[in-house]
Each structure stands twice: as structure tokens, then as C-alpha cells.
PDB file of N, CA and C in Angstrom:
ATOM      1  N   MET A   1       4.318  16.852  20.272  1.00  0.00           N
ATOM      2  CA  MET A   1       5.411  16.002  19.847  1.00  0.00           C
ATOM      3  C   MET A   1       5.568  16.146  18.333  1.00  0.00           C
ATOM      4  N   THR A   2       6.797  16.299  17.877  1.00  0.00           N
ATOM      5  CA  THR A   2       7.052  16.436  16.448  1.00  0.00           C
ATOM      6  C   THR A   2       7.524  15.119  15.862  1.00  0.00           C
ATOM      7  N   GLN A   3       7.279  14.976  14.588  1.00  0.00           N
ATOM      8  CA  GLN A   3       7.737  13.775  13.889  1.00  0.00           C
ATOM      9  C   GLN A   3       9.233  13.882  13.678  1.00  0.00           C
ATOM     10  N   GLN A   4       9.962  12.786  13.958  1.00  0.00           N
ATOM     11  CA  GLN A   4      11.418  12.787  13.855  1.00  0.00           C
ATOM     12  C   GLN A   4      11.888  12.735  12.417  1.00  0.00           C
ATOM     13  N   THR A   5      11.254  11.925  11.602  1.00  0.00           N
ATOM     14  CA  THR A   5      11.651  11.748  10.218  1.00  0.00           C
ATOM     15  C   THR A   5      10.508  11.096   9.452  1.00  0.00           C
ATOM     16  N   ASP A   6      10.543  11.209   8.150  1.00  0.00           N
ATOM     17  CA  ASP A   6       9.553  10.519   7.339  1.00  0.00           C
ATOM     18  C   ASP A   6       9.752   9.015   7.477  1.00  0.00           C
ATOM     19  N   VAL A   7       8.659   8.272   7.459  1.00  0.00           N
ATOM     20  CA  VAL A   7       8.735   6.813   7.474  1.00  0.00           C
ATOM     21  C   VAL A   7       8.526   6.332   6.045  1.00  0.00           C
ATOM     22  N   LEU A   8       9.454   5.503   5.576  1.00  0.00           N
ATOM     23  CA  LEU A   8       9.442   4.984   4.210  1.00  0.00           C
ATOM     24  C   LEU A   8       9.334   3.469   4.247  1.00  0.00           C
ATOM     25  N   ALA A   9       9.115   2.851   3.103  1.00  0.00           N
ATOM     26  CA  ALA A   9       9.000   1.393   3.025  1.00  0.00           C
ATOM     27  C   ALA A   9       9.895   0.863   1.915  1.00  0.00           C
ATOM     28  N   THR A  10      10.505  -0.284   2.173  1.00  0.00           N
ATOM     29  CA  THR A  10      11.303  -0.948   1.148  1.00  0.00           C
ATOM     30  C   THR A  10      10.383  -1.651   0.161  1.00  0.00           C
ATOM     31  N   LYS A  11      10.947  -2.061  -0.957  1.00  0.00           N
ATOM     32  CA  LYS A  11      10.242  -2.987  -1.834  1.00  0.00           C
ATOM     33  C   LYS A  11      10.152  -4.314  -1.090  1.00  0.00           C
ATOM     34  N   PRO A  12       9.134  -5.140  -1.359  1.00  0.00           N
ATOM     35  CA  PRO A  12       9.105  -6.475  -0.752  1.00  0.00           C
ATOM     36  C   PRO A  12      10.396  -7.216  -1.094  1.00  0.00           C
ATOM     37  N   PHE A  13      10.972  -7.855  -0.099  1.00  0.00           N
ATOM     38  CA  PHE A  13      12.293  -8.486  -0.217  1.00  0.00           C
ATOM     39  C   PHE A  13      12.163  -9.964   0.110  1.00  0.00           C
ATOM     40  N   SER A  14      12.784 -10.828  -0.718  1.00  0.00           N
ATOM     41  CA  SER A  14      12.625 -12.263  -0.487  1.00  0.00           C
ATOM     42  C   SER A  14      13.914 -13.053  -0.697  1.00  0.00           C
ATOM     43  N   GLY A  15      15.060 -12.408  -0.696  1.00  0.00           N
ATOM     44  CA  GLY A  15      16.303 -13.123  -0.957  1.00  0.00           C
ATOM     45  C   GLY A  15      17.404 -12.779   0.007  1.00  0.00           C
ATOM     46  N   THR A  16      18.584 -12.498  -0.549  1.00  0.00           N
ATOM     47  CA  THR A  16      19.751 -12.102   0.238  1.00  0.00           C
ATOM     48  C   THR A  16      20.396 -10.910  -0.451  1.00  0.00           C
ATOM     49  N   GLY A  17      20.796  -9.917   0.322  1.00  0.00           N
ATOM     50  CA  GLY A  17      21.471  -8.756  -0.237  1.00  0.00           C
ATOM     51  C   GLY A  17      20.910  -7.459   0.290  1.00  0.00           C
ATOM     52  N   ALA A  18      21.109  -6.401  -0.494  1.00  0.00           N
ATOM     53  CA  ALA A  18      20.672  -5.067  -0.099  1.00  0.00           C
ATOM     54  C   ALA A  18      19.175  -4.902  -0.317  1.00  0.00           C
ATOM     55  N   LEU A  19      18.486  -4.376   0.686  1.00  0.00           N
ATOM     56  CA  LEU A  19      17.089  -4.019   0.505  1.00  0.00           C
ATOM     57  C   LEU A  19      17.039  -2.724  -0.283  1.00  0.00           C
ATOM     58  N   LYS A  20      16.007  -2.538  -1.090  1.00  0.00           N
ATOM     59  CA  LYS A  20      15.891  -1.394  -1.988  1.00  0.00           C
ATOM     60  C   LYS A  20      14.718  -0.510  -1.591  1.00  0.00           C
ATOM     61  N   ASP A  21      14.855   0.790  -1.867  1.00  0.00           N
ATOM     62  CA  ASP A  21      13.727   1.687  -1.667  1.00  0.00           C
ATOM     63  C   ASP A  21      12.762   1.549  -2.846  1.00  0.00           C
ATOM     64  N   GLN A  22      11.708   2.335  -2.854  1.00  0.00           N
ATOM     65  CA  GLN A  22      10.691   2.213  -3.894  1.00  0.00           C
ATOM     66  C   GLN A  22      11.222   2.571  -5.284  1.00  0.00           C
ATOM     67  N   ALA A  23      12.314   3.333  -5.356  1.00  0.00           N
ATOM     68  CA  ALA A  23      12.924   3.695  -6.639  1.00  0.00           C
ATOM     69  C   ALA A  23      14.057   2.741  -7.023  1.00  0.00           C
ATOM     70  N   ASN A  24      14.176   1.633  -6.289  1.00  0.00           N
ATOM     71  CA  ASN A  24      15.169   0.584  -6.533  1.00  0.00           C
ATOM     72  C   ASN A  24      16.606   1.006  -6.203  1.00  0.00           C
ATOM     73  N   ASN A  25      16.758   1.943  -5.261  1.00  0.00           N
ATOM     74  CA  ASN A  25      18.072   2.360  -4.785  1.00  0.00           C
ATOM     75  C   ASN A  25      18.413   1.644  -3.490  1.00  0.00           C
ATOM     76  N   ASP A  26      19.715   1.406  -3.258  1.00  0.00           N
ATOM     77  CA  ASP A  26      20.147   0.873  -1.967  1.00  0.00           C
ATOM     78  C   ASP A  26      19.767   1.860  -0.873  1.00  0.00           C
ATOM     79  N   ILE A  27      19.538   1.330   0.331  1.00  0.00           N
ATOM     80  CA  ILE A  27      19.188   2.171   1.474  1.00  0.00           C
ATOM     81  C   ILE A  27      20.433   2.331   2.335  1.00  0.00           C
ATOM     82  N   GLY A  28      20.829   3.549   2.581  1.00  0.00           N
ATOM     83  CA  GLY A  28      22.002   3.828   3.413  1.00  0.00           C
ATOM     84  C   GLY A  28      21.636   3.837   4.885  1.00  0.00           C
ATOM     85  N   ARG A  29      22.212   4.764   5.605  1.00  0.00           N
ATOM     86  CA  ARG A  29      21.941   4.908   7.041  1.00  0.00           C
ATOM     87  C   ARG A  29      20.442   5.088   7.263  1.00  0.00           C
ATOM     88  N   ALA A  30      19.884   4.316   8.182  1.00  0.00           N
ATOM     89  CA  ALA A  30      18.443   4.374   8.435  1.00  0.00           C
ATOM     90  C   ALA A  30      18.136   3.782   9.804  1.00  0.00           C
ATOM     91  N   ARG A  31      16.939   4.055  10.272  1.00  0.00           N
ATOM     92  CA  ARG A  31      16.419   3.433  11.493  1.00  0.00           C
ATOM     93  C   ARG A  31      15.230   2.559  11.115  1.00  0.00           C
ATOM     94  N   ILE A  32      15.327   1.287  11.444  1.00  0.00           N
ATOM     95  CA  ILE A  32      14.246   0.338  11.169  1.00  0.00           C
ATOM     96  C   ILE A  32      13.119   0.623  12.154  1.00  0.00           C
ATOM     97  N   LYS A  33      11.924   0.867  11.619  1.00  0.00           N
ATOM     98  CA  LYS A  33      10.761   1.203  12.445  1.00  0.00           C
ATOM     99  C   LYS A  33       9.782   0.043  12.605  1.00  0.00           C
ATOM    100  N   GLY A  34       9.778  -0.879  11.642  1.00  0.00           N
ATOM    101  CA  GLY A  34       8.857  -2.007  11.695  1.00  0.00           C
ATOM    102  C   GLY A  34       9.009  -2.878  10.460  1.00  0.00           C
ATOM    103  N   MET A  35       8.275  -3.983  10.456  1.00  0.00           N
ATOM    104  CA  MET A  35       8.330  -4.920   9.336  1.00  0.00           C
ATOM    105  C   MET A  35       6.963  -5.544   9.112  1.00  0.00           C
ATOM    106  N   HIS A  36       6.684  -5.858   7.855  1.00  0.00           N
ATOM    107  CA  HIS A  36       5.517  -6.652   7.481  1.00  0.00           C
ATOM    108  C   HIS A  36       6.075  -7.923   6.850  1.00  0.00           C
ATOM    109  N   ILE A  37       5.810  -9.048   7.480  1.00  0.00           N
ATOM    110  CA  ILE A  37       6.401 -10.320   7.061  1.00  0.00           C
ATOM    111  C   ILE A  37       5.308 -11.255   6.560  1.00  0.00           C
ATOM    112  N   VAL A  38       5.518 -11.808   5.363  1.00  0.00           N
ATOM    113  CA  VAL A  38       4.615 -12.818   4.811  1.00  0.00           C
ATOM    114  C   VAL A  38       5.308 -14.166   4.983  1.00  0.00           C
ATOM    115  N   CYS A  39       4.706 -15.032   5.766  1.00  0.00           N
ATOM    116  CA  CYS A  39       5.305 -16.327   6.112  1.00  0.00           C
ATOM    117  C   CYS A  39       5.262 -17.291   4.926  1.00  0.00           C
ATOM    118  N   GLY A  40       6.063 -18.325   5.023  1.00  0.00           N
ATOM    119  CA  GLY A  40       6.080 -19.382   4.023  1.00  0.00           C
ATOM    120  C   GLY A  40       5.482 -20.663   4.579  1.00  0.00           C
ATOM    121  N   ALA A  41       5.488 -21.706   3.786  1.00  0.00           N
ATOM    122  CA  ALA A  41       4.922 -22.991   4.192  1.00  0.00           C
ATOM    123  C   ALA A  41       5.775 -23.670   5.261  1.00  0.00           C
ATOM    124  N   ASN A  42       7.061 -23.305   5.355  1.00  0.00           N
ATOM    125  CA  ASN A  42       7.962 -23.856   6.366  1.00  0.00           C
ATOM    126  C   ASN A  42       8.438 -22.748   7.299  1.00  0.00           C
ATOM    127  N   ALA A  43       8.809 -23.104   8.504  1.00  0.00           N
ATOM    128  CA  ALA A  43       9.363 -22.128   9.437  1.00  0.00           C
ATOM    129  C   ALA A  43      10.637 -21.544   8.841  1.00  0.00           C
ATOM    130  N   GLY A  44      10.876 -20.282   9.068  1.00  0.00           N
ATOM    131  CA  GLY A  44      12.046 -19.630   8.500  1.00  0.00           C
ATOM    132  C   GLY A  44      12.525 -18.486   9.359  1.00  0.00           C
ATOM    133  N   SER A  45      13.179 -17.514   8.705  1.00  0.00           N
ATOM    134  CA  SER A  45      13.693 -16.373   9.453  1.00  0.00           C
ATOM    135  C   SER A  45      13.929 -15.184   8.531  1.00  0.00           C
ATOM    136  N   VAL A  46      13.972 -14.017   9.155  1.00  0.00           N
ATOM    137  CA  VAL A  46      14.378 -12.772   8.520  1.00  0.00           C
ATOM    138  C   VAL A  46      15.541 -12.246   9.356  1.00  0.00           C
ATOM    139  N   VAL A  47      16.700 -12.072   8.720  1.00  0.00           N
ATOM    140  CA  VAL A  47      17.882 -11.568   9.405  1.00  0.00           C
ATOM    141  C   VAL A  47      18.294 -10.275   8.713  1.00  0.00           C
ATOM    142  N   LEU A  48      18.333  -9.174   9.465  1.00  0.00           N
ATOM    143  CA  LEU A  48      18.742  -7.885   8.918  1.00  0.00           C
ATOM    144  C   LEU A  48      20.107  -7.520   9.483  1.00  0.00           C
ATOM    145  N   THR A  49      20.975  -6.989   8.598  1.00  0.00           N
ATOM    146  CA  THR A  49      22.333  -6.638   9.007  1.00  0.00           C
ATOM    147  C   THR A  49      22.632  -5.177   8.670  1.00  0.00           C
ATOM    148  N   ASP A  50      23.649  -4.652   9.348  1.00  0.00           N
ATOM    149  CA  ASP A  50      24.143  -3.303   9.096  1.00  0.00           C
ATOM    150  C   ASP A  50      25.174  -3.386   7.985  1.00  0.00           C
ATOM    151  N   GLY A  51      24.728  -3.242   6.746  1.00  0.00           N
ATOM    152  CA  GLY A  51      25.608  -3.339   5.589  1.00  0.00           C
ATOM    153  C   GLY A  51      25.820  -4.776   5.153  1.00  0.00           C
ATOM    154  N   ASP A  52      26.497  -4.931   4.030  1.00  0.00           N
ATOM    155  CA  ASP A  52      26.777  -6.242   3.458  1.00  0.00           C
ATOM    156  C   ASP A  52      27.840  -6.947   4.298  1.00  0.00           C
ATOM    157  N   GLY A  53      27.482  -8.026   4.954  1.00  0.00           N
ATOM    158  CA  GLY A  53      28.411  -8.754   5.806  1.00  0.00           C
ATOM    159  C   GLY A  53      28.640  -8.107   7.161  1.00  0.00           C
ATOM    160  N   GLY A  54      27.842  -7.093   7.473  1.00  0.00           N
ATOM    161  CA  GLY A  54      27.993  -6.390   8.744  1.00  0.00           C
ATOM    162  C   GLY A  54      27.318  -7.109   9.891  1.00  0.00           C
ATOM    163  N   SER A  55      27.272  -6.439  11.014  1.00  0.00           N
ATOM    164  CA  SER A  55      26.684  -7.003  12.226  1.00  0.00           C
ATOM    165  C   SER A  55      25.191  -7.239  12.052  1.00  0.00           C
ATOM    166  N   THR A  56      24.711  -8.349  12.609  1.00  0.00           N
ATOM    167  CA  THR A  56      23.275  -8.623  12.628  1.00  0.00           C
ATOM    168  C   THR A  56      22.624  -7.667  13.609  1.00  0.00           C
ATOM    169  N   VAL A  57      21.575  -6.967  13.162  1.00  0.00           N
ATOM    170  CA  VAL A  57      20.876  -6.039  14.043  1.00  0.00           C
ATOM    171  C   VAL A  57      19.551  -6.602  14.544  1.00  0.00           C
ATOM    172  N   VAL A  58      18.968  -7.552  13.795  1.00  0.00           N
ATOM    173  CA  VAL A  58      17.735  -8.187  14.256  1.00  0.00           C
ATOM    174  C   VAL A  58      17.528  -9.501  13.507  1.00  0.00           C
ATOM    175  N   THR A  59      17.053 -10.503  14.243  1.00  0.00           N
ATOM    176  CA  THR A  59      16.640 -11.780  13.660  1.00  0.00           C
ATOM    177  C   THR A  59      15.218 -12.057  14.111  1.00  0.00           C
ATOM    178  N   ILE A  60      14.342 -12.300  13.158  1.00  0.00           N
ATOM    179  CA  ILE A  60      12.950 -12.645  13.443  1.00  0.00           C
ATOM    180  C   ILE A  60      12.713 -14.050  12.913  1.00  0.00           C
ATOM    181  N   ASN A  61      12.328 -14.970  13.782  1.00  0.00           N
ATOM    182  CA  ASN A  61      11.960 -16.323  13.357  1.00  0.00           C
ATOM    183  C   ASN A  61      10.504 -16.307  12.923  1.00  0.00           C
ATOM    184  N   THR A  62      10.238 -16.916  11.776  1.00  0.00           N
ATOM    185  CA  THR A  62       8.889 -16.913  11.229  1.00  0.00           C
ATOM    186  C   THR A  62       8.278 -18.308  11.321  1.00  0.00           C
ATOM    187  N   PRO A  63       6.996 -18.386  11.639  1.00  0.00           N
ATOM    188  CA  PRO A  63       6.341 -19.690  11.743  1.00  0.00           C
ATOM    189  C   PRO A  63       5.978 -20.242  10.374  1.00  0.00           C
ATOM    190  N   ALA A  64       5.731 -21.528  10.327  1.00  0.00           N
ATOM    191  CA  ALA A  64       5.221 -22.157   9.109  1.00  0.00           C
ATOM    192  C   ALA A  64       3.729 -21.863   9.022  1.00  0.00           C
ATOM    193  N   VAL A  65       3.313 -21.295   7.893  1.00  0.00           N
ATOM    194  CA  VAL A  65       1.906 -20.981   7.682  1.00  0.00           C
ATOM    195  C   VAL A  65       1.557 -21.448   6.275  1.00  0.00           C
ATOM    196  N   ALA A  66       0.711 -22.455   6.188  1.00  0.00           N
ATOM    197  CA  ALA A  66       0.413 -23.099   4.906  1.00  0.00           C
ATOM    198  C   ALA A  66      -0.103 -22.136   3.845  1.00  0.00           C
ATOM    199  N   ASN A  67      -0.909 -21.159   4.226  1.00  0.00           N
ATOM    200  CA  ASN A  67      -1.490 -20.243   3.253  1.00  0.00           C
ATOM    201  C   ASN A  67      -0.788 -18.893   3.211  1.00  0.00           C
ATOM    202  N   GLY A  68       0.453 -18.823   3.689  1.00  0.00           N
ATOM    203  CA  GLY A  68       1.221 -17.591   3.615  1.00  0.00           C
ATOM    204  C   GLY A  68       0.683 -16.464   4.469  1.00  0.00           C
ATOM    205  N   GLY A  69       0.304 -16.758   5.702  1.00  0.00           N
ATOM    206  CA  GLY A  69      -0.183 -15.722   6.610  1.00  0.00           C
ATOM    207  C   GLY A  69       0.866 -14.648   6.833  1.00  0.00           C
ATOM    208  N   ALA A  70       0.435 -13.489   7.256  1.00  0.00           N
ATOM    209  CA  ALA A  70       1.351 -12.372   7.449  1.00  0.00           C
ATOM    210  C   ALA A  70       1.216 -11.822   8.863  1.00  0.00           C
ATOM    211  N   TYR A  71       2.276 -11.166   9.323  1.00  0.00           N
ATOM    212  CA  TYR A  71       2.197 -10.453  10.584  1.00  0.00           C
ATOM    213  C   TYR A  71       3.129  -9.258  10.560  1.00  0.00           C
ATOM    214  N   ASP A  72       2.868  -8.329  11.477  1.00  0.00           N
ATOM    215  CA  ASP A  72       3.636  -7.095  11.557  1.00  0.00           C
ATOM    216  C   ASP A  72       4.502  -7.088  12.803  1.00  0.00           C
ATOM    217  N   VAL A  73       5.692  -6.527  12.664  1.00  0.00           N
ATOM    218  CA  VAL A  73       6.614  -6.361  13.778  1.00  0.00           C
ATOM    219  C   VAL A  73       6.790  -4.861  13.972  1.00  0.00           C
ATOM    220  N   VAL A  74       6.502  -4.372  15.166  1.00  0.00           N
ATOM    221  CA  VAL A  74       6.685  -2.960  15.491  1.00  0.00           C
ATOM    222  C   VAL A  74       7.948  -2.831  16.326  1.00  0.00           C
ATOM    223  N   VAL A  75       8.850  -1.951  15.896  1.00  0.00           N
ATOM    224  CA  VAL A  75      10.092  -1.717  16.627  1.00  0.00           C
ATOM    225  C   VAL A  75       9.861  -0.509  17.540  1.00  0.00           C
ATOM    226  N   PRO A  76      10.089  -0.654  18.836  1.00  0.00           N
ATOM    227  CA  PRO A  76       9.785   0.430  19.766  1.00  0.00           C
ATOM    228  C   PRO A  76      10.756   1.606  19.688  1.00  0.00           C
ATOM    229  N   ASP A  77      10.323   2.707  20.252  1.00  0.00           N
ATOM    230  CA  ASP A  77      11.106   3.914  20.484  1.00  0.00           C
ATOM    231  C   ASP A  77      11.708   4.476  19.203  1.00  0.00           C
ATOM    232  N   GLN A  78      13.004   4.667  19.130  1.00  0.00           N
ATOM    233  CA  GLN A  78      13.655   5.316  18.001  1.00  0.00           C
ATOM    234  C   GLN A  78      13.961   4.370  16.845  1.00  0.00           C
ATOM    235  N   GLY A  79      13.692   3.076  16.999  1.00  0.00           N
ATOM    236  CA  GLY A  79      13.992   2.110  15.948  1.00  0.00           C
ATOM    237  C   GLY A  79      15.386   1.530  16.107  1.00  0.00           C
ATOM    238  N   ILE A  80      15.771   0.686  15.158  1.00  0.00           N
ATOM    239  CA  ILE A  80      17.088   0.027  15.167  1.00  0.00           C
ATOM    240  C   ILE A  80      17.943   0.706  14.104  1.00  0.00           C
ATOM    241  N   LEU A  81      19.082   1.237  14.518  1.00  0.00           N
ATOM    242  CA  LEU A  81      19.954   1.985  13.618  1.00  0.00           C
ATOM    243  C   LEU A  81      20.848   1.060  12.797  1.00  0.00           C
ATOM    244  N   VAL A  82      20.861   1.276  11.486  1.00  0.00           N
ATOM    245  CA  VAL A  82      21.876   0.687  10.610  1.00  0.00           C
ATOM    246  C   VAL A  82      22.669   1.860  10.049  1.00  0.00           C
ATOM    247  N   LYS A  83      23.982   1.825  10.217  1.00  0.00           N
ATOM    248  CA  LYS A  83      24.823   2.964   9.870  1.00  0.00           C
ATOM    249  C   LYS A  83      25.314   2.940   8.435  1.00  0.00           C
ATOM    250  N   THR A  84      25.520   1.735   7.864  1.00  0.00           N
ATOM    251  CA  THR A  84      26.139   1.662   6.547  1.00  0.00           C
ATOM    252  C   THR A  84      25.210   1.174   5.447  1.00  0.00           C
ATOM    253  N   GLY A  85      24.066   0.659   5.776  1.00  0.00           N
ATOM    254  CA  GLY A  85      23.131   0.170   4.769  1.00  0.00           C
ATOM    255  C   GLY A  85      22.256  -0.913   5.346  1.00  0.00           C
ATOM    256  N   LEU A  86      21.150  -1.161   4.680  1.00  0.00           N
ATOM    257  CA  LEU A  86      20.172  -2.147   5.146  1.00  0.00           C
ATOM    258  C   LEU A  86      20.239  -3.375   4.261  1.00  0.00           C
ATOM    259  N   ASN A  87      20.797  -4.448   4.810  1.00  0.00           N
ATOM    260  CA  ASN A  87      20.919  -5.713   4.089  1.00  0.00           C
ATOM    261  C   ASN A  87      20.166  -6.787   4.860  1.00  0.00           C
ATOM    262  N   GLY A  88      19.859  -7.879   4.170  1.00  0.00           N
ATOM    263  CA  GLY A  88      19.138  -8.934   4.841  1.00  0.00           C
ATOM    264  C   GLY A  88      19.231 -10.263   4.144  1.00  0.00           C
ATOM    265  N   THR A  89      18.752 -11.272   4.868  1.00  0.00           N
ATOM    266  CA  THR A  89      18.604 -12.626   4.341  1.00  0.00           C
ATOM    267  C   THR A  89      17.251 -13.146   4.796  1.00  0.00           C
ATOM    268  N   VAL A  90      16.445 -13.568   3.825  1.00  0.00           N
ATOM    269  CA  VAL A  90      15.121 -14.127   4.106  1.00  0.00           C
ATOM    270  C   VAL A  90      15.173 -15.607   3.763  1.00  0.00           C
ATOM    271  N   THR A  91      14.847 -16.461   4.741  1.00  0.00           N
ATOM    272  CA  THR A  91      14.898 -17.909   4.566  1.00  0.00           C
ATOM    273  C   THR A  91      13.526 -18.510   4.850  1.00  0.00           C
ATOM    274  N   ASN A  92      13.016 -19.322   3.924  1.00  0.00           N
ATOM    275  CA  ASN A  92      11.719 -19.991   4.078  1.00  0.00           C
ATOM    276  C   ASN A  92      10.615 -19.022   4.498  1.00  0.00           C
ATOM    277  N   THR A  93      10.687 -17.816   3.991  1.00  0.00           N
ATOM    278  CA  THR A  93       9.699 -16.769   4.263  1.00  0.00           C
ATOM    279  C   THR A  93       9.392 -16.134   2.921  1.00  0.00           C
ATOM    280  N   ALA A  94       8.110 -15.897   2.631  1.00  0.00           N
ATOM    281  CA  ALA A  94       7.738 -15.392   1.310  1.00  0.00           C
ATOM    282  C   ALA A  94       8.336 -14.007   1.044  1.00  0.00           C
ATOM    283  N   SER A  95       8.207 -13.079   1.991  1.00  0.00           N
ATOM    284  CA  SER A  95       8.780 -11.749   1.803  1.00  0.00           C
ATOM    285  C   SER A  95       8.730 -10.941   3.078  1.00  0.00           C
ATOM    286  N   VAL A  96       9.520  -9.860   3.087  1.00  0.00           N
ATOM    287  CA  VAL A  96       9.476  -8.889   4.168  1.00  0.00           C
ATOM    288  C   VAL A  96       9.523  -7.491   3.556  1.00  0.00           C
ATOM    289  N   THR A  97       8.707  -6.607   4.084  1.00  0.00           N
ATOM    290  CA  THR A  97       8.780  -5.190   3.764  1.00  0.00           C
ATOM    291  C   THR A  97       9.200  -4.496   5.043  1.00  0.00           C
ATOM    292  N   VAL A  98      10.258  -3.682   4.961  1.00  0.00           N
ATOM    293  CA  VAL A  98      10.787  -3.008   6.138  1.00  0.00           C
ATOM    294  C   VAL A  98      10.378  -1.538   6.076  1.00  0.00           C
ATOM    295  N   PHE A  99       9.866  -1.035   7.196  1.00  0.00           N
ATOM    296  CA  PHE A  99       9.546   0.390   7.330  1.00  0.00           C
ATOM    297  C   PHE A  99      10.710   1.036   8.040  1.00  0.00           C
ATOM    298  N   TYR A 100      11.195   2.145   7.495  1.00  0.00           N
ATOM    299  CA  TYR A 100      12.410   2.760   8.030  1.00  0.00           C
ATOM    300  C   TYR A 100      12.306   4.280   7.916  1.00  0.00           C
ATOM    301  N   GLY A 101      13.196   4.970   8.593  1.00  0.00           N
ATOM    302  CA  GLY A 101      13.228   6.431   8.514  1.00  0.00           C
ATOM    303  C   GLY A 101      14.609   6.943   8.757  1.00  0.00           C
TER     304      GLY A 101
END
């Protein structure tokens, strides 16, 4: 089996807007492969969209964790495709790092 594409990681993201690559560039067309989420003291969510104001491609509800516990989300098979860019909104969650290719 051959590797389909390199897997990259975003900078940790904790707000609303475009997720950035390690060089601080916007991320265009990509397939979401997984996420590392650091929870906050209150229950919250991570919502990822296809571009700014585009369709929601995934919503992850995060539990309240007093000491900022973390967990990983693995996306099966080929991943979730975003065609125009990777944007998101993080609410009551410390941060999310998205793995993509």
C-alpha cells in the first residue's frame, strides 16, 4: 500500500477563522485526517467548515475538563474533504490541532 499524501499539522487553533499551516499560511483544499483537542473547563465544541462561511464538515462536542485534558479524533478512510479552505470555530475549548493532507 502506498501513502496517498503527506500528513501535515495546523498551528494550534483557539478562535474563529482560517486555520494556518506551520508557516502561518491559510490552508486550501485538504483532507482532514484527525484532530488533537485540548478541552476547556466548560463543555464546548470544535466546528470545522469548508472555507469562510462555507458548509460545516464536522462538529465535535468537547467535554468540560477542569485541568484541560486532551483527546485525539481519528478520521477514517480518506478523511474529510474541504475544497476551498479549512476554517473553524472553537468554543469553550482550549485549542485544536488538525492533521490534514
